[in-house]
């Protein structure tokens, strides 16, 4: 029972593992403090060049002008149910897992089944007490007993078949539901792993920036310090997200397996109970059937309770799926999900992306400035930039964006960030102990490594900034929710309905079987009918025979005397 009651929590866990986990990407820092996502990943607390221009690009205070104004009530039509905590008035707050009135209204959907379970437990329990203590019961009368027995037997077989059908539906439904739930969990875990891998890729590229000694000359020194701080935050967020995902997925799988085992046990026990009870009632074992009646009384109450629990679970999942579907259409509207996913509006996202392109352009400017004024220059000996560079000129690094920060194609004279390290390797010279080139080349090994580190940092920002931004503006979560609602919600609801149908058939079928067991087991059997019909006549004949024998003896004695 404990496992079954916790299955609802588990479903919500895997439905919200992504959004809660993605929120943790932006919520953890080494000091344990909570900061805004945009400040940690691409914001003012880390990347120095963005501090001034990005200071105002924090989380949006409200919905964007293109989004619907006011508060969006998620799944408003589905959640209009009586609220137990509000005197059974209609709940109109929509889907909101943080609102106790929402859970009270969802719980009301299973109230009828719970009340039925209580009524069954009390009424049938009292009937059993009266039957055992007072000897009261319902018996099939002698008049028309054969016809009544046949009808009772047919009904008993029909209700047993109904209970068996319910057991089959429960077994099939739980197996399908278990598989679909694990598929959904696998999809969510894959999305989380994708996020972790994205963060680790960014961390790997940015970690190379620590070795850029040339930044002390060409870049502000605080930029490298801020990038190091960002690197630590990204590592912490990736590790936290990975640990939470692994821990939650293990717990959810354990609960799902326990729920599956419990439902299998319920189906098997109820099937055996129905079949053995049918056999015992046919054989007329009145005392043995009482044991099965008592067990069935308790098990029927339990199956009613389980039916109510899964009915609540079905409604909760349907509410969640509809809420996610409506949120996907209005991600920036103020809603119950806004407290879980504080999305950045489109204007702020575009500005952040603009700033990332600006930093990439600045890095390319720094690299090309060194190539033009240092590597490709031919300074005289004694000049600070002299290290005996010679040979063909190095190609500059390609600007990935034009003056309007739109993507542009590289020219044949430029190298892109993807192959710059391979091309520039040809221009590397061998150096002496003094750091001066002894062979033809434009860069020393030390300068080459510094340039490659700068290019890798540019590559990371160019290719992974949009991915990080998709975590901030909820595009990633919106795509995940859209996939869940379109591919997983309908099968989950369908298989939950099969489970409910199976539990309902089992409950009603075994309930009616219990009454018929007692009735049919107490029927007059053939030996009893035979004895009731023929025993008086035998006694009469035996009495007549004795009287005749007595008369005969008396007559014989009188004749002898004469």
Protein backbone atom coordinates (compact mmCIF):
# COMPACT_ATOMS: atom_id res chain seq x y z
CA UNK A 1 0.00 0.00 0.00
CA UNK A 2 2.79 2.39 0.86
CA UNK A 3 4.40 1.84 -2.51
CA UNK A 4 1.11 2.31 -4.32
CA UNK A 5 0.27 5.52 -2.51
CA UNK A 6 3.71 6.95 -3.29
CA UNK A 7 3.41 6.22 -7.02
CA UNK A 8 1.69 9.56 -7.58
CA UNK A 9 4.62 11.40 -6.07
CA UNK A 10 6.98 9.41 -8.26
CA UNK A 11 5.12 10.35 -11.43
CA UNK A 12 5.34 14.01 -10.54
CA UNK A 13 9.03 13.51 -9.81
CA UNK A 14 9.83 12.33 -13.32
CA UNK A 15 7.48 14.91 -14.84
CA UNK A 16 9.39 17.67 -13.08
CA UNK A 17 12.90 16.26 -12.91
CA UNK A 18 13.87 18.31 -15.94
CA UNK A 19 12.48 21.65 -14.82
CA UNK A 20 13.67 21.34 -11.24
CA UNK A 21 17.05 20.07 -12.38
CA UNK A 22 17.46 22.80 -14.96
CA UNK A 23 16.61 25.30 -12.32
CA UNK A 24 19.44 23.87 -10.22
CA UNK A 25 21.80 24.61 -13.10
CA UNK A 26 21.41 28.28 -12.33
CA UNK A 27 20.78 28.06 -8.64
CA UNK A 28 23.98 26.68 -7.14
CA UNK A 29 27.28 28.30 -6.48
CA UNK A 30 30.29 27.05 -4.50
CA UNK A 31 29.30 29.24 -1.59
CA UNK A 32 25.84 27.75 -1.51
CA UNK A 33 24.13 30.98 -2.46
CA UNK A 34 21.36 31.21 -5.02
CA UNK A 35 21.84 33.53 -7.96
CA UNK A 36 20.01 34.41 -11.12
CA UNK A 37 20.60 32.08 -14.08
CA UNK A 38 21.59 34.86 -16.42
CA UNK A 39 24.15 36.17 -13.94
CA UNK A 40 25.82 32.79 -13.49
CA UNK A 41 25.92 31.39 -17.02
CA UNK A 42 26.24 34.48 -19.17
CA UNK A 43 25.72 37.38 -16.80
CA UNK A 44 27.25 40.19 -14.84
CA UNK A 45 28.70 38.13 -11.99
CA UNK A 46 31.22 36.32 -14.17
CA UNK A 47 32.05 37.73 -17.58
CA UNK A 48 33.58 41.12 -17.07
CA UNK A 49 32.99 42.62 -20.55
CA UNK A 50 29.25 42.13 -20.09
CA UNK A 51 28.93 43.69 -16.67
CA UNK A 52 27.98 47.17 -17.72
CA UNK A 53 25.76 46.31 -20.66
CA UNK A 54 24.09 43.27 -19.13
CA UNK A 55 23.39 44.68 -15.69
CA UNK A 56 19.80 45.41 -16.64
CA UNK A 57 19.25 42.04 -18.32
CA UNK A 58 18.19 40.15 -15.26
CA UNK A 59 15.10 38.05 -14.99
CA UNK A 60 12.13 39.69 -16.61
CA UNK A 61 9.79 41.27 -14.07
CA UNK A 62 6.70 40.22 -16.01
CA UNK A 63 5.46 38.79 -19.26
CA UNK A 64 6.61 40.15 -22.56
CA UNK A 65 4.38 42.57 -24.41
CA UNK A 66 3.55 39.90 -26.97
CA UNK A 67 2.42 37.46 -24.30
CA UNK A 68 -1.05 37.36 -22.77
CA UNK A 69 -1.52 39.86 -19.99
CA UNK A 70 -2.58 38.82 -16.50
CA UNK A 71 -2.27 35.47 -14.77
CA UNK A 72 -2.73 32.30 -16.82
CA UNK A 73 -4.83 29.71 -14.97
CA UNK A 74 -3.49 26.36 -16.10
CA UNK A 75 -5.98 23.54 -16.80
CA UNK A 76 -8.78 25.80 -15.55
CA UNK A 77 -11.65 23.73 -16.97
CA UNK A 78 -10.34 20.39 -15.75
CA UNK A 79 -9.67 21.54 -12.19
CA UNK A 80 -13.11 22.96 -11.37
CA UNK A 81 -13.93 20.45 -8.68
CA UNK A 82 -15.35 20.61 -5.14
CA UNK A 83 -12.73 21.67 -2.62
CA UNK A 84 -12.98 19.74 0.64
CA UNK A 85 -10.99 22.39 2.53
CA UNK A 86 -13.31 25.18 1.39
CA UNK A 87 -16.61 23.62 2.35
CA UNK A 88 -17.01 21.81 -0.98
CA UNK A 89 -17.06 25.05 -2.94
CA UNK A 90 -15.72 24.91 -6.50
CA UNK A 91 -11.95 25.20 -6.78
CA UNK A 92 -11.02 27.71 -9.49
CA UNK A 93 -7.29 28.17 -8.98
CA UNK A 94 -6.21 25.84 -11.79
CA UNK A 95 -3.26 23.48 -11.72
CA UNK A 96 -0.92 24.44 -8.88
CA UNK A 97 1.11 21.78 -7.07
CA UNK A 98 2.00 24.30 -4.36
CA UNK A 99 -1.65 24.92 -3.48
CA UNK A 100 -3.22 22.60 -0.91
CA UNK A 101 -6.69 23.44 -2.22
CA UNK A 102 -5.69 22.00 -5.60
CA UNK A 103 -4.68 18.72 -3.99
CA UNK A 104 -7.89 18.71 -1.96
CA UNK A 105 -9.92 19.08 -5.16
CA UNK A 106 -7.93 16.31 -6.86
CA UNK A 107 -8.44 14.08 -3.84
CA UNK A 108 -12.17 14.61 -4.12
CA UNK A 109 -12.20 12.72 -7.44
CA UNK A 110 -11.60 9.50 -5.51
CA UNK A 111 -13.94 10.34 -2.62
CA UNK A 112 -16.87 8.33 -3.98
CA UNK A 113 -14.78 5.16 -4.19
CA UNK A 114 -13.32 5.73 -0.72
CA UNK A 115 -16.83 6.19 0.72
CA UNK A 116 -17.94 3.01 -1.04
CA UNK A 117 -14.98 1.17 0.49
CA UNK A 118 -15.93 2.37 3.98
CA UNK A 119 -19.59 1.49 3.51
CA UNK A 120 -18.67 -1.95 2.22
CA UNK A 121 -16.25 -2.57 5.08
CA UNK A 122 -18.78 -1.58 7.75
CA UNK A 123 -21.96 -3.09 6.28
CA UNK A 124 -20.51 -6.44 5.24
CA UNK A 125 -18.54 -6.61 8.47
CA UNK A 126 -21.74 -6.20 10.49
CA UNK A 127 -23.45 -8.81 8.31
CA UNK A 128 -20.61 -11.27 9.03
CA UNK A 129 -20.86 -10.60 12.76
CA UNK A 130 -24.63 -11.20 12.74
CA UNK A 131 -24.19 -14.32 10.65
CA UNK A 132 -21.53 -15.82 12.91
CA UNK A 133 -22.94 -14.78 16.27
CA UNK A 134 -26.67 -15.09 15.72
CA UNK A 135 -26.72 -17.81 13.12
CA UNK A 136 -28.75 -15.61 10.79
CA UNK A 137 -28.34 -16.23 7.08
CA UNK A 138 -30.04 -16.51 3.75
CA UNK A 139 -30.81 -20.03 2.58
CA UNK A 140 -32.32 -21.39 -0.59
CA UNK A 141 -35.77 -22.74 0.32
CA UNK A 142 -36.98 -26.14 -0.65
CA UNK A 143 -39.69 -24.83 -2.95
CA UNK A 144 -38.17 -24.41 -6.37
CA UNK A 145 -34.70 -25.03 -4.96
CA UNK A 146 -33.34 -26.63 -8.12
CA UNK A 147 -34.16 -23.58 -10.22
CA UNK A 148 -32.81 -21.20 -7.57
CA UNK A 149 -29.62 -23.19 -7.27
CA UNK A 150 -29.09 -23.12 -11.02
CA UNK A 151 -29.60 -19.34 -11.16
CA UNK A 152 -27.27 -18.84 -8.20
CA UNK A 153 -24.60 -21.04 -9.80
CA UNK A 154 -24.85 -19.21 -13.13
CA UNK A 155 -24.53 -15.83 -11.42
CA UNK A 156 -21.61 -17.09 -9.37
CA UNK A 157 -19.80 -18.25 -12.49
CA UNK A 158 -20.53 -14.94 -14.27
CA UNK A 159 -19.24 -12.84 -11.38
CA UNK A 160 -16.18 -15.06 -11.03
CA UNK A 161 -15.46 -14.56 -14.73
CA UNK A 162 -15.89 -10.81 -14.23
CA UNK A 163 -13.38 -10.86 -11.38
CA UNK A 164 -10.98 -12.95 -13.49
CA UNK A 165 -11.36 -10.49 -16.37
CA UNK A 166 -10.55 -7.66 -13.98
CA UNK A 167 -7.41 -9.50 -12.86
CA UNK A 168 -6.35 -9.88 -16.50
CA UNK A 169 -7.00 -6.18 -17.20
CA UNK A 170 -5.06 -5.21 -14.08
CA UNK A 171 -2.10 -7.38 -15.08
CA UNK A 172 -2.02 -6.08 -18.65
CA UNK A 173 -2.61 -2.47 -17.60
CA UNK A 174 0.09 -2.42 -14.94
CA UNK A 175 2.61 -4.00 -17.33
CA UNK A 176 1.90 -1.43 -20.04
CA UNK A 177 1.82 1.42 -17.55
CA UNK A 178 5.11 0.31 -16.02
CA UNK A 179 6.80 0.20 -19.42
CA UNK A 180 5.40 3.57 -20.52
CA UNK A 181 6.33 5.21 -17.21
CA UNK A 182 9.91 3.95 -17.48
CA UNK A 183 10.07 5.18 -21.09
CA UNK A 184 8.96 8.61 -19.92
CA UNK A 185 11.51 8.55 -17.14
CA UNK A 186 14.20 7.48 -19.61
CA UNK A 187 13.32 10.40 -21.87
CA UNK A 188 13.50 12.88 -18.99
CA UNK A 189 16.83 11.44 -17.80
CA UNK A 190 18.21 11.70 -21.34
CA UNK A 191 17.18 15.36 -21.47
CA UNK A 192 18.90 15.95 -18.15
CA UNK A 193 22.03 14.12 -19.36
CA UNK A 194 22.01 16.30 -22.46
CA UNK A 195 21.98 19.38 -20.24
CA UNK A 196 24.82 18.02 -18.13
CA UNK A 197 26.87 17.22 -21.22
CA UNK A 198 26.29 20.74 -22.56
CA UNK A 199 27.55 22.26 -19.31
CA UNK A 200 30.57 19.97 -19.25
CA UNK A 201 31.42 20.84 -22.85
CA UNK A 202 31.32 24.53 -22.03
CA UNK A 203 33.43 23.90 -18.93
CA UNK A 204 35.97 21.94 -20.94
CA UNK A 205 36.38 24.71 -23.49
CA UNK A 206 36.48 27.47 -20.92
CA UNK A 207 39.03 25.62 -18.79
CA UNK A 208 41.56 26.13 -21.59
CA UNK A 209 41.23 29.87 -21.06
CA UNK A 210 43.10 29.54 -17.76
CA UNK A 211 46.33 29.01 -19.70
CA UNK A 212 46.01 32.20 -21.75
CA UNK A 213 48.99 34.18 -20.46
CA UNK A 214 48.76 36.56 -23.40
CA UNK A 215 45.53 37.81 -21.87
CA UNK A 216 47.62 39.80 -19.41
CA UNK A 217 48.64 41.98 -22.34
CA UNK A 218 45.79 41.75 -24.81
CA UNK A 219 42.78 41.18 -22.56
CA UNK A 220 41.77 42.66 -19.20
CA UNK A 221 43.05 40.46 -16.40
CA UNK A 222 39.66 40.39 -14.67
CA UNK A 223 38.16 38.61 -17.70
CA UNK A 224 40.19 35.48 -17.02
CA UNK A 225 39.31 35.59 -13.33
CA UNK A 226 35.62 35.93 -14.11
CA UNK A 227 35.80 33.06 -16.61
CA UNK A 228 37.46 30.91 -13.94
CA UNK A 229 34.61 31.75 -11.59
CA UNK A 230 32.11 30.85 -14.29
CA UNK A 231 33.94 27.58 -14.85
CA UNK A 232 33.60 26.65 -11.19
CA UNK A 233 29.88 27.49 -11.21
CA UNK A 234 29.24 25.44 -14.35
CA UNK A 235 31.11 22.47 -12.89
CA UNK A 236 29.15 22.70 -9.66
CA UNK A 237 25.85 22.98 -11.53
CA UNK A 238 26.68 20.03 -13.81
CA UNK A 239 27.73 17.81 -10.90
CA UNK A 240 24.66 18.76 -8.87
CA UNK A 241 22.31 18.15 -11.77
CA UNK A 242 23.91 14.79 -12.57
CA UNK A 243 23.76 13.64 -8.94
CA UNK A 244 20.15 14.74 -8.51
CA UNK A 245 19.07 13.07 -11.75
CA UNK A 246 20.76 9.78 -10.86
CA UNK A 247 19.38 9.81 -7.33
CA UNK A 248 15.83 10.65 -8.40
CA UNK A 249 15.79 8.15 -11.25
CA UNK A 250 16.92 5.33 -8.93
CA UNK A 251 14.21 6.22 -6.39
CA UNK A 252 11.53 6.44 -9.06
CA UNK A 253 12.50 3.12 -10.62
CA UNK A 254 12.42 1.50 -7.18
CA UNK A 255 8.92 2.84 -6.50
CA UNK A 256 7.65 1.81 -9.94
CA UNK A 257 8.98 -1.70 -9.43
CA UNK A 258 7.29 -1.88 -6.01
CA UNK A 259 4.00 -0.66 -7.50
CA UNK A 260 4.24 -3.23 -10.26
CA UNK A 261 4.92 -6.05 -7.79
CA UNK A 262 2.03 -4.94 -5.55
CA UNK A 263 -0.45 -4.85 -8.44
CA UNK A 264 0.69 -8.25 -9.66
CA UNK A 265 0.18 -9.67 -6.15
CA UNK A 266 -3.29 -8.10 -5.94
CA UNK A 267 -4.29 -9.55 -9.33
CA UNK A 268 -2.95 -13.02 -8.48
CA UNK A 269 -4.47 -13.18 -4.98
CA UNK A 270 -7.89 -11.96 -6.12
CA UNK A 271 -7.92 -14.44 -9.02
CA UNK A 272 -7.07 -17.34 -6.71
CA UNK A 273 -9.62 -16.14 -4.17
CA UNK A 274 -12.39 -16.01 -6.77
CA UNK A 275 -11.59 -19.44 -8.24
CA UNK A 276 -11.09 -21.27 -4.93
CA UNK A 277 -14.16 -19.62 -3.48
CA UNK A 278 -16.20 -20.83 -6.46
CA UNK A 279 -14.96 -24.39 -6.02
CA UNK A 280 -15.57 -24.44 -2.27
CA UNK A 281 -19.05 -23.02 -2.65
CA UNK A 282 -19.92 -25.66 -5.25
CA UNK A 283 -18.61 -28.42 -2.97
CA UNK A 284 -20.58 -26.93 -0.09
CA UNK A 285 -17.73 -26.52 2.41
CA UNK A 286 -19.51 -24.02 4.64
CA UNK A 287 -16.79 -23.64 7.27
CA UNK A 288 -13.93 -23.34 4.75
CA UNK A 289 -15.84 -20.80 2.70
CA UNK A 290 -16.11 -18.51 5.72
CA UNK A 291 -12.33 -18.09 5.73
CA UNK A 292 -12.39 -16.98 2.10
CA UNK A 293 -15.37 -14.73 2.74
CA UNK A 294 -13.50 -12.99 5.55
CA UNK A 295 -10.36 -12.60 3.36
CA UNK A 296 -12.43 -11.37 0.44
CA UNK A 297 -14.15 -8.82 2.69
CA UNK A 298 -10.80 -7.21 3.50
CA UNK A 299 -9.37 -7.52 -0.02
CA UNK A 300 -12.43 -5.94 -1.64
CA UNK A 301 -12.05 -2.93 0.65
CA UNK A 302 -8.37 -2.69 -0.29
CA UNK A 303 -9.11 -2.89 -4.03
CA UNK A 304 -11.73 -0.15 -3.65
CA UNK A 305 -9.11 2.04 -1.97
CA UNK A 306 -6.56 1.27 -4.70
CA UNK A 307 -9.14 2.12 -7.34
CA UNK A 308 -9.66 5.51 -5.68
CA UNK A 309 -5.91 6.13 -5.43
CA UNK A 310 -5.35 5.41 -9.12
CA UNK A 311 -8.39 7.50 -10.02
CA UNK A 312 -6.80 10.44 -8.18
CA UNK A 313 -3.49 9.69 -9.87
CA UNK A 314 -5.12 9.60 -13.29
CA UNK A 315 -6.75 12.99 -12.73
CA UNK A 316 -3.53 14.48 -11.37
CA UNK A 317 -1.55 13.32 -14.41
CA UNK A 318 -4.24 14.57 -16.79
CA UNK A 319 -4.18 17.95 -15.04
CA UNK A 320 -0.40 18.07 -15.29
CA UNK A 321 -0.36 17.16 -18.97
CA UNK A 322 -2.94 19.82 -19.78
CA UNK A 323 -1.06 22.38 -17.67
CA UNK A 324 2.18 21.63 -19.51
CA UNK A 325 0.41 21.84 -22.86
CA UNK A 326 -1.08 25.25 -22.02
CA UNK A 327 2.23 26.48 -20.60
CA UNK A 328 4.04 25.46 -23.80
CA UNK A 329 1.74 27.82 -25.70
CA UNK A 330 2.30 30.68 -23.20
CA UNK A 331 5.71 30.14 -21.55
CA UNK A 332 6.18 33.77 -20.50
CA UNK A 333 2.71 34.29 -19.04
CA UNK A 334 2.40 34.51 -15.27
CA UNK A 335 1.22 31.10 -14.07
CA UNK A 336 1.77 28.44 -11.44
CA UNK A 337 4.77 27.18 -13.42
CA UNK A 338 6.37 30.62 -13.25
CA UNK A 339 7.38 29.89 -9.66
CA UNK A 340 9.18 26.74 -10.79
CA UNK A 341 10.57 28.04 -14.08
CA UNK A 342 11.34 31.78 -13.97
CA UNK A 343 11.81 32.16 -17.70
CA UNK A 344 13.63 35.09 -19.26
CA UNK A 345 11.54 37.04 -21.74
CA UNK A 346 12.43 37.19 -25.42
CA UNK A 347 13.82 40.71 -25.23
CA UNK A 348 16.27 39.79 -22.47
CA UNK A 349 17.25 36.57 -24.24
CA UNK A 350 17.99 38.40 -27.47
CA UNK A 351 20.08 40.92 -25.61
CA UNK A 352 22.08 38.18 -23.90
CA UNK A 353 22.66 36.46 -27.22
CA UNK A 354 23.74 39.80 -28.63
CA UNK A 355 26.26 40.19 -25.81
CA UNK A 356 27.64 36.69 -26.39
CA UNK A 357 28.23 37.57 -30.04
CA UNK A 358 29.87 40.79 -28.92
CA UNK A 359 32.33 38.90 -26.70
CA UNK A 360 33.11 36.43 -29.51
CA UNK A 361 33.87 39.38 -31.80
CA UNK A 362 36.07 40.96 -29.13
CA UNK A 363 38.08 37.76 -28.78
CA UNK A 364 38.54 37.58 -32.56
CA UNK A 365 39.66 41.24 -32.50
CA UNK A 366 42.25 40.43 -29.83
CA UNK A 367 43.58 37.40 -31.73
CA UNK A 368 43.73 39.21 -35.08
CA UNK A 369 45.32 42.27 -33.51
CA UNK A 370 48.14 40.08 -32.26
CA UNK A 371 48.46 38.34 -35.64
CA UNK A 372 48.65 41.65 -37.54
CA UNK A 373 50.87 43.55 -35.10
CA UNK A 374 52.95 40.73 -33.70
CA UNK A 375 53.04 37.45 -35.59
CA UNK A 376 52.92 38.86 -39.16
CA UNK A 377 55.03 41.89 -38.33
CA UNK A 378 58.76 41.91 -38.92
CA UNK A 379 60.09 43.93 -35.98
CA UNK A 380 63.77 44.60 -35.62
CA UNK A 381 65.86 42.99 -32.96
CA UNK A 382 65.42 44.76 -29.65
CA UNK A 383 61.74 45.44 -30.22
CA UNK A 384 59.54 44.01 -27.41
CA UNK A 385 57.51 42.02 -29.95
CA UNK A 386 60.61 40.55 -31.63
CA UNK A 387 61.23 36.81 -31.35
CA UNK A 388 62.75 36.27 -34.81
CA UNK A 389 59.42 35.55 -36.53
CA UNK A 390 59.70 34.90 -40.27
CA UNK A 391 58.15 33.06 -43.18
CA UNK A 392 54.70 33.30 -44.82
CA UNK A 393 52.10 35.41 -43.04
CA UNK A 394 49.55 33.69 -40.78
CA UNK A 395 45.93 33.82 -41.89
CA UNK A 396 43.71 35.80 -39.52
CA UNK A 397 40.83 34.31 -37.55
CA UNK A 398 37.43 34.50 -39.20
CA UNK A 399 34.81 36.86 -37.83
CA UNK A 400 31.71 34.64 -37.43
CA UNK A 401 29.41 37.70 -37.40
CA UNK A 402 29.18 40.84 -39.47
CA UNK A 403 28.76 44.38 -38.19
CA UNK A 404 25.05 43.69 -37.56
CA UNK A 405 25.94 40.49 -35.68
CA UNK A 406 24.44 38.28 -38.35
CA UNK A 407 26.22 35.08 -39.33
CA UNK A 408 28.70 35.46 -42.18
CA UNK A 409 30.77 33.11 -44.32
CA UNK A 410 34.52 33.05 -43.87
CA UNK A 411 36.69 34.16 -46.77
CA UNK A 412 39.43 32.01 -48.23
CA UNK A 413 42.07 34.17 -46.52
CA UNK A 414 40.61 33.50 -43.06
CA UNK A 415 40.52 30.44 -40.82
CA UNK A 416 37.49 29.48 -38.78
CA UNK A 417 37.54 28.62 -35.11
CA UNK A 418 37.03 24.95 -35.97
CA UNK A 419 40.29 24.53 -37.93
CA UNK A 420 42.40 27.46 -36.72
CA UNK A 421 44.54 25.27 -34.46
CA UNK A 422 45.42 22.91 -37.35
CA UNK A 423 46.22 25.70 -39.78
CA UNK A 424 48.25 27.78 -37.34
CA UNK A 425 50.26 24.71 -36.32
CA UNK A 426 52.09 25.02 -39.66
CA UNK A 427 53.31 28.48 -38.64
CA UNK A 428 54.82 27.36 -35.36
CA UNK A 429 58.61 27.63 -35.04
CA UNK A 430 61.16 25.95 -32.84
CA UNK A 431 62.64 28.12 -30.15
CA UNK A 432 65.83 28.39 -28.23
CA UNK A 433 66.22 28.59 -24.49
CA UNK A 434 65.70 32.34 -24.75
CA UNK A 435 62.33 31.89 -26.45
CA UNK A 436 63.53 33.09 -29.88
CA UNK A 437 62.62 31.25 -33.06
CA UNK A 438 65.43 29.18 -34.51
CA UNK A 439 63.41 27.97 -37.50
CA UNK A 440 60.97 29.59 -39.89
CA UNK A 441 57.69 30.40 -38.25
CA UNK A 442 55.40 33.16 -37.07
CA UNK A 443 54.52 32.00 -33.53
CA UNK A 444 56.35 30.28 -30.72
CA UNK A 445 54.86 27.16 -29.12
CA UNK A 446 53.85 29.21 -26.08
CA UNK A 447 52.10 31.88 -28.14
CA UNK A 448 50.48 29.20 -30.29
CA UNK A 449 48.95 27.53 -27.22
CA UNK A 450 47.69 30.90 -26.01
CA UNK A 451 46.06 31.65 -29.35
CA UNK A 452 44.45 28.20 -29.50
CA UNK A 453 43.07 28.67 -25.97
CA UNK A 454 41.57 32.00 -26.99
CA UNK A 455 40.03 30.43 -30.11
CA UNK A 456 38.60 27.57 -28.05
CA UNK A 457 36.99 30.06 -25.72
CA UNK A 458 35.53 31.85 -28.72
CA UNK A 459 34.25 28.54 -30.09
CA UNK A 460 32.60 27.69 -26.78
CA UNK A 461 30.76 30.98 -26.61
CA UNK A 462 29.83 30.86 -30.29
CA UNK A 463 28.41 27.34 -30.29
CA UNK A 464 27.22 26.80 -26.74
CA UNK A 465 25.85 30.20 -25.74
CA UNK A 466 22.60 29.53 -27.68
CA UNK A 467 22.28 26.17 -25.91
CA UNK A 468 22.75 27.78 -22.52
CA UNK A 469 20.29 30.50 -23.47
CA UNK A 470 17.73 27.85 -24.39
CA UNK A 471 17.90 26.71 -20.76
CA UNK A 472 17.27 30.26 -19.56
CA UNK A 473 14.44 31.28 -21.86
CA UNK A 474 12.69 27.90 -21.29
CA UNK A 475 12.93 26.82 -24.93
CA UNK A 476 14.64 23.62 -23.86
CA UNK A 477 12.03 22.86 -21.19
CA UNK A 478 9.23 23.89 -23.54
CA UNK A 479 10.46 21.39 -26.14
CA UNK A 480 10.72 18.73 -23.42
CA UNK A 481 7.19 19.39 -22.19
CA UNK A 482 5.87 19.38 -25.73
CA UNK A 483 7.43 15.97 -26.34
CA UNK A 484 6.00 14.61 -23.07
CA UNK A 485 2.47 15.89 -23.75
CA UNK A 486 2.45 14.66 -27.35
CA UNK A 487 4.11 11.27 -26.89
CA UNK A 488 3.75 10.12 -23.30
CA UNK A 489 0.69 11.66 -21.62
CA UNK A 490 -1.97 9.86 -23.67
CA UNK A 491 -0.52 6.35 -23.20
CA UNK A 492 -0.04 6.92 -19.46
CA UNK A 493 -3.66 8.05 -19.04
CA UNK A 494 -4.91 5.16 -21.19
CA UNK A 495 -3.08 2.50 -19.17
CA UNK A 496 -4.16 4.10 -15.89
CA UNK A 497 -7.77 3.80 -17.04
CA UNK A 498 -7.17 0.11 -17.80
CA UNK A 499 -5.79 -0.35 -14.28
CA UNK A 500 -8.84 1.41 -12.82
CA UNK A 501 -11.18 -0.71 -14.91
CA UNK A 502 -9.42 -3.87 -13.73
CA UNK A 503 -9.59 -2.82 -10.08
CA UNK A 504 -13.27 -1.91 -10.48
CA UNK A 505 -14.16 -5.25 -12.05
CA UNK A 506 -12.23 -7.11 -9.37
CA UNK A 507 -13.94 -5.18 -6.57
CA UNK A 508 -17.48 -5.57 -7.87
CA UNK A 509 -17.00 -9.14 -9.06
CA UNK A 510 -15.52 -10.45 -5.82
CA UNK A 511 -18.04 -8.40 -3.80
CA UNK A 512 -20.97 -10.15 -5.46
CA UNK A 513 -19.16 -13.49 -5.31
CA UNK A 514 -18.89 -13.20 -1.51
CA UNK A 515 -22.67 -13.00 -1.15
CA UNK A 516 -23.25 -15.87 -3.56
CA UNK A 517 -20.59 -18.00 -1.86
CA UNK A 518 -22.50 -17.91 1.41
CA UNK A 519 -25.83 -18.40 -0.32
CA UNK A 520 -24.74 -21.27 -2.54
CA UNK A 521 -22.63 -22.99 0.12
CA UNK A 522 -25.68 -23.07 2.45
CA UNK A 523 -27.96 -24.70 -0.14
CA UNK A 524 -29.59 -28.04 0.78
CA UNK A 525 -27.49 -30.80 -0.75
CA UNK A 526 -28.85 -33.96 -2.31
CA UNK A 527 -28.18 -36.12 0.75
CA UNK A 528 -30.07 -33.69 2.94
CA UNK A 529 -33.02 -33.51 0.52
CA UNK A 530 -33.06 -37.30 0.20
CA UNK A 531 -33.05 -37.76 3.95
CA UNK A 532 -35.76 -35.15 4.42
CA UNK A 533 -38.02 -36.78 1.84
CA UNK A 534 -37.54 -40.47 2.55
CA UNK A 535 -36.64 -40.76 6.23
CA UNK A 536 -40.21 -40.24 7.57
CA UNK A 537 -41.59 -42.90 5.22
CA UNK A 538 -38.91 -45.39 6.24
CA UNK A 539 -39.67 -44.81 9.87
CA UNK A 540 -43.40 -45.30 9.16
CA UNK A 541 -42.78 -48.54 7.26
CA UNK A 542 -40.47 -49.81 9.97
CA UNK A 543 -43.06 -49.01 12.63
CA UNK A 544 -45.80 -50.79 10.62
CA UNK A 545 -43.58 -53.79 10.14
CA UNK A 546 -42.91 -54.04 13.86
CA UNK A 547 -46.61 -53.78 14.60
CA UNK A 548 -47.42 -56.52 12.09
CA UNK A 549 -44.78 -58.76 13.59
CA UNK A 550 -46.23 -58.17 17.02
CA UNK A 551 -49.76 -59.04 15.86
CA UNK A 552 -48.50 -62.15 14.13
CA UNK A 553 -46.74 -63.34 17.29
CA UNK A 554 -49.86 -62.79 19.36
CA UNK A 555 -52.02 -64.78 16.93
CA UNK A 556 -49.59 -67.68 16.94
CA UNK A 557 -49.54 -67.80 20.72
CA UNK A 558 -53.35 -67.81 20.91
CA UNK A 559 -53.59 -70.64 18.41
CA UNK A 560 -51.13 -72.74 20.38
CA UNK A 561 -53.11 -72.25 23.53
CA UNK A 562 -56.25 -73.54 21.92
